[in-house]
N, C-alpha and C. Protein backbone atom coordinates (compact mmCIF):
# COMPACT_ATOMS: atom_id res chain seq x y z
N UNK A 1 -3.68 -9.44 -0.38
CA UNK A 1 -3.80 -9.13 -1.78
C UNK A 1 -4.12 -7.65 -1.94
N UNK A 2 -3.53 -7.04 -2.96
CA UNK A 2 -3.80 -5.62 -3.20
C UNK A 2 -5.27 -5.38 -3.58
N UNK A 3 -5.76 -4.21 -3.22
CA UNK A 3 -7.12 -3.82 -3.58
C UNK A 3 -7.15 -3.44 -5.06
N UNK A 4 -8.35 -3.19 -5.56
CA UNK A 4 -8.49 -2.76 -6.95
C UNK A 4 -7.71 -1.48 -7.19
N UNK A 5 -7.83 -0.51 -6.28
CA UNK A 5 -7.11 0.76 -6.44
C UNK A 5 -5.60 0.54 -6.42
N UNK A 6 -5.13 -0.30 -5.51
CA UNK A 6 -3.69 -0.58 -5.43
C UNK A 6 -3.20 -1.27 -6.69
N UNK A 7 -4.01 -2.19 -7.22
CA UNK A 7 -3.64 -2.86 -8.48
C UNK A 7 -3.57 -1.87 -9.63
N UNK A 8 -4.46 -0.88 -9.64
CA UNK A 8 -4.44 0.12 -10.71
C UNK A 8 -3.17 0.97 -10.62
N UNK A 9 -2.79 1.35 -9.40
CA UNK A 9 -1.56 2.12 -9.22
C UNK A 9 -0.35 1.28 -9.66
N UNK A 10 -0.30 0.03 -9.22
CA UNK A 10 0.80 -0.85 -9.61
C UNK A 10 0.87 -1.01 -11.13
N UNK A 11 -0.28 -1.21 -11.77
CA UNK A 11 -0.31 -1.40 -13.22
C UNK A 11 0.18 -0.15 -13.95
N UNK A 12 -0.24 1.02 -13.48
CA UNK A 12 0.19 2.27 -14.12
C UNK A 12 1.70 2.46 -13.99
N UNK A 13 2.23 2.24 -12.79
CA UNK A 13 3.67 2.40 -12.60
C UNK A 13 4.46 1.33 -13.35
N UNK A 14 3.92 0.12 -13.47
CA UNK A 14 4.58 -0.93 -14.24
C UNK A 14 4.60 -0.58 -15.72
N UNK A 15 3.54 0.03 -16.19
CA UNK A 15 3.50 0.47 -17.60
C UNK A 15 4.58 1.53 -17.85
N UNK A 16 4.72 2.45 -16.92
CA UNK A 16 5.77 3.47 -17.05
C UNK A 16 7.15 2.81 -17.02
N UNK A 17 7.32 1.81 -16.15
CA UNK A 17 8.58 1.05 -16.05
C UNK A 17 8.89 0.41 -17.41
N UNK A 18 7.88 -0.21 -18.01
CA UNK A 18 8.07 -0.88 -19.30
C UNK A 18 8.43 0.09 -20.41
N UNK A 19 7.81 1.26 -20.43
CA UNK A 19 8.03 2.21 -21.51
C UNK A 19 9.27 3.09 -21.31
N UNK A 20 9.55 3.46 -20.07
CA UNK A 20 10.65 4.38 -19.80
C UNK A 20 11.85 3.73 -19.14
N UNK A 21 11.69 2.49 -18.72
CA UNK A 21 12.76 1.80 -18.01
C UNK A 21 12.58 1.92 -16.51
N UNK A 22 13.25 1.03 -15.80
CA UNK A 22 13.11 1.03 -14.34
C UNK A 22 13.61 2.34 -13.75
N UNK A 23 13.03 2.81 -12.69
CA UNK A 23 11.95 2.23 -11.90
C UNK A 23 10.56 2.74 -12.27
N UNK A 24 10.40 3.42 -13.39
CA UNK A 24 9.07 3.88 -13.80
C UNK A 24 8.56 5.04 -12.97
N UNK A 25 9.33 6.10 -12.90
CA UNK A 25 8.99 7.24 -12.04
C UNK A 25 7.88 8.08 -12.67
N UNK A 26 6.87 8.37 -11.86
CA UNK A 26 5.79 9.27 -12.26
C UNK A 26 5.52 10.26 -11.14
N UNK A 27 5.20 11.49 -11.54
CA UNK A 27 4.77 12.49 -10.58
C UNK A 27 3.44 12.02 -9.97
N UNK A 28 3.28 12.22 -8.70
CA UNK A 28 2.06 11.74 -8.04
C UNK A 28 0.82 12.42 -8.63
N UNK A 29 0.93 13.66 -9.03
CA UNK A 29 -0.22 14.33 -9.65
C UNK A 29 -0.58 13.65 -10.97
N UNK A 30 0.40 13.11 -11.69
CA UNK A 30 0.14 12.38 -12.94
C UNK A 30 -0.56 11.06 -12.64
N UNK A 31 -0.18 10.40 -11.55
CA UNK A 31 -0.82 9.16 -11.15
C UNK A 31 -2.29 9.43 -10.81
N UNK A 32 -2.53 10.48 -10.03
CA UNK A 32 -3.90 10.85 -9.65
C UNK A 32 -4.73 11.17 -10.90
N UNK A 33 -4.15 11.91 -11.85
CA UNK A 33 -4.88 12.30 -13.05
C UNK A 33 -5.15 11.13 -13.99
N UNK A 34 -4.26 10.14 -14.00
CA UNK A 34 -4.38 9.04 -14.96
C UNK A 34 -5.38 7.96 -14.54
N UNK A 35 -5.67 7.88 -13.26
CA UNK A 35 -6.51 6.79 -12.78
C UNK A 35 -7.96 7.22 -12.58
N UNK A 36 -8.91 6.31 -12.86
CA UNK A 36 -10.33 6.64 -12.69
C UNK A 36 -10.79 6.46 -11.24
N UNK A 37 -10.05 7.07 -10.34
CA UNK A 37 -10.33 6.97 -8.91
C UNK A 37 -10.41 8.36 -8.32
N UNK A 38 -11.03 8.46 -7.17
CA UNK A 38 -10.98 9.73 -6.43
C UNK A 38 -9.53 9.96 -6.00
N UNK A 39 -9.09 11.20 -5.98
CA UNK A 39 -7.72 11.46 -5.54
C UNK A 39 -7.40 10.84 -4.18
N UNK A 40 -8.36 10.87 -3.27
CA UNK A 40 -8.12 10.30 -1.95
C UNK A 40 -7.89 8.80 -2.02
N UNK A 41 -8.58 8.11 -2.92
CA UNK A 41 -8.37 6.67 -3.10
C UNK A 41 -6.98 6.39 -3.65
N UNK A 42 -6.57 7.18 -4.61
CA UNK A 42 -5.25 6.99 -5.22
C UNK A 42 -4.15 7.23 -4.19
N UNK A 43 -4.29 8.30 -3.42
CA UNK A 43 -3.27 8.61 -2.41
C UNK A 43 -3.24 7.55 -1.31
N UNK A 44 -4.40 7.05 -0.92
CA UNK A 44 -4.45 5.98 0.08
C UNK A 44 -3.78 4.71 -0.45
N UNK A 45 -4.03 4.40 -1.71
CA UNK A 45 -3.40 3.22 -2.33
C UNK A 45 -1.89 3.39 -2.36
N UNK A 46 -1.43 4.57 -2.74
CA UNK A 46 0.02 4.84 -2.76
C UNK A 46 0.63 4.69 -1.37
N UNK A 47 -0.05 5.21 -0.36
CA UNK A 47 0.46 5.10 1.02
C UNK A 47 0.58 3.65 1.45
N UNK A 48 -0.44 2.84 1.14
CA UNK A 48 -0.42 1.42 1.51
C UNK A 48 0.70 0.69 0.77
N UNK A 49 0.83 0.95 -0.52
CA UNK A 49 1.88 0.31 -1.30
C UNK A 49 3.26 0.72 -0.81
N UNK A 50 3.40 1.98 -0.42
CA UNK A 50 4.67 2.47 0.13
C UNK A 50 4.98 1.76 1.45
N UNK A 51 3.99 1.65 2.31
CA UNK A 51 4.17 1.00 3.61
C UNK A 51 4.55 -0.47 3.46
N UNK A 52 4.12 -1.08 2.36
CA UNK A 52 4.41 -2.49 2.12
C UNK A 52 5.64 -2.71 1.25
N UNK A 53 6.34 -1.64 0.90
CA UNK A 53 7.58 -1.76 0.15
C UNK A 53 7.43 -2.06 -1.33
N UNK A 54 6.23 -1.86 -1.87
CA UNK A 54 6.02 -2.11 -3.30
C UNK A 54 6.25 -0.86 -4.13
N UNK A 55 6.10 0.29 -3.51
CA UNK A 55 6.29 1.58 -4.15
C UNK A 55 7.23 2.39 -3.27
N UNK A 56 8.08 3.17 -3.91
CA UNK A 56 8.93 4.09 -3.17
C UNK A 56 8.65 5.49 -3.69
N UNK A 57 9.10 6.49 -2.95
CA UNK A 57 8.87 7.88 -3.34
C UNK A 57 10.16 8.67 -3.18
N UNK A 58 10.23 9.78 -3.90
CA UNK A 58 11.38 10.65 -3.72
C UNK A 58 11.28 11.33 -2.35
N UNK A 59 12.33 12.05 -1.96
CA UNK A 59 12.36 12.66 -0.63
C UNK A 59 11.24 13.65 -0.40
N UNK A 60 10.82 14.34 -1.44
CA UNK A 60 9.74 15.32 -1.31
C UNK A 60 8.36 14.69 -1.38
N UNK A 61 8.31 13.39 -1.65
CA UNK A 61 7.06 12.64 -1.80
C UNK A 61 6.18 13.25 -2.89
N UNK A 62 6.84 13.70 -3.97
CA UNK A 62 6.10 14.25 -5.10
C UNK A 62 6.10 13.31 -6.29
N UNK A 63 6.96 12.29 -6.26
CA UNK A 63 7.03 11.29 -7.32
C UNK A 63 7.02 9.90 -6.70
N UNK A 64 6.44 8.97 -7.44
CA UNK A 64 6.38 7.58 -6.97
C UNK A 64 6.96 6.67 -8.04
N UNK A 65 7.50 5.54 -7.59
CA UNK A 65 8.05 4.56 -8.53
C UNK A 65 8.01 3.19 -7.87
N UNK A 66 8.06 2.17 -8.70
CA UNK A 66 8.00 0.80 -8.21
C UNK A 66 9.34 0.32 -7.69
N UNK A 67 9.28 -0.50 -6.68
CA UNK A 67 10.43 -1.28 -6.26
C UNK A 67 10.43 -2.53 -7.13
N UNK A 68 11.52 -3.30 -7.16
CA UNK A 68 11.49 -4.54 -7.93
C UNK A 68 10.36 -5.48 -7.49
N UNK A 69 10.10 -5.55 -6.19
CA UNK A 69 8.99 -6.37 -5.70
C UNK A 69 7.64 -5.85 -6.17
N UNK A 70 7.52 -4.54 -6.25
CA UNK A 70 6.29 -3.94 -6.76
C UNK A 70 6.07 -4.27 -8.23
N UNK A 71 7.16 -4.25 -8.99
CA UNK A 71 7.05 -4.61 -10.41
C UNK A 71 6.64 -6.07 -10.56
N UNK A 72 7.25 -6.95 -9.79
CA UNK A 72 6.89 -8.37 -9.84
C UNK A 72 5.42 -8.57 -9.48
N UNK A 73 4.97 -7.87 -8.45
CA UNK A 73 3.57 -7.98 -8.05
C UNK A 73 2.64 -7.47 -9.15
N UNK A 74 3.01 -6.34 -9.76
CA UNK A 74 2.19 -5.77 -10.83
C UNK A 74 2.10 -6.71 -12.02
N UNK A 75 3.18 -7.43 -12.29
CA UNK A 75 3.21 -8.34 -13.44
C UNK A 75 2.69 -9.72 -13.09
N UNK A 76 2.24 -9.91 -11.87
CA UNK A 76 1.66 -11.18 -11.47
C UNK A 76 2.66 -12.20 -10.97
N UNK A 77 3.93 -11.81 -10.87
CA UNK A 77 4.95 -12.75 -10.40
C UNK A 77 5.14 -12.75 -8.91
N UNK A 78 4.64 -11.72 -8.26
CA UNK A 78 4.81 -11.63 -6.81
C UNK A 78 3.48 -11.80 -6.11
N UNK A 79 3.50 -12.41 -4.98
CA UNK A 79 2.29 -12.58 -4.18
C UNK A 79 2.59 -12.04 -2.79
N UNK A 80 2.69 -10.73 -2.71
CA UNK A 80 3.08 -10.10 -1.46
C UNK A 80 1.84 -9.73 -0.67
N UNK A 81 1.65 -10.33 0.50
CA UNK A 81 0.50 -9.95 1.32
C UNK A 81 0.69 -8.54 1.86
N UNK A 82 -0.34 -7.74 1.77
CA UNK A 82 -0.25 -6.37 2.25
C UNK A 82 -0.59 -6.30 3.72
N UNK A 83 0.08 -5.40 4.41
CA UNK A 83 -0.20 -5.17 5.83
C UNK A 83 -1.55 -4.47 5.94
N UNK A 84 -2.32 -4.76 6.96
CA UNK A 84 -3.63 -4.10 7.11
C UNK A 84 -3.48 -2.61 7.38
């Protein structure tokens, strides 16, 4: 199960998906600024979500966006176990 920080990242990216359309692309600095977490917590959550295929990033790793599985998980439809 995703951690609280990972759930916050998923929820933020899902909100962007809902408002702007798939895949809900946000600059990583915007994700860090929008969440009430330490930057290191946000970046760690993004790394874990990326490793588990719920979030993808552009080639420069400056923007993040949800995969379809990440969106399902954010909306409560997916139950993807995260890798340790």
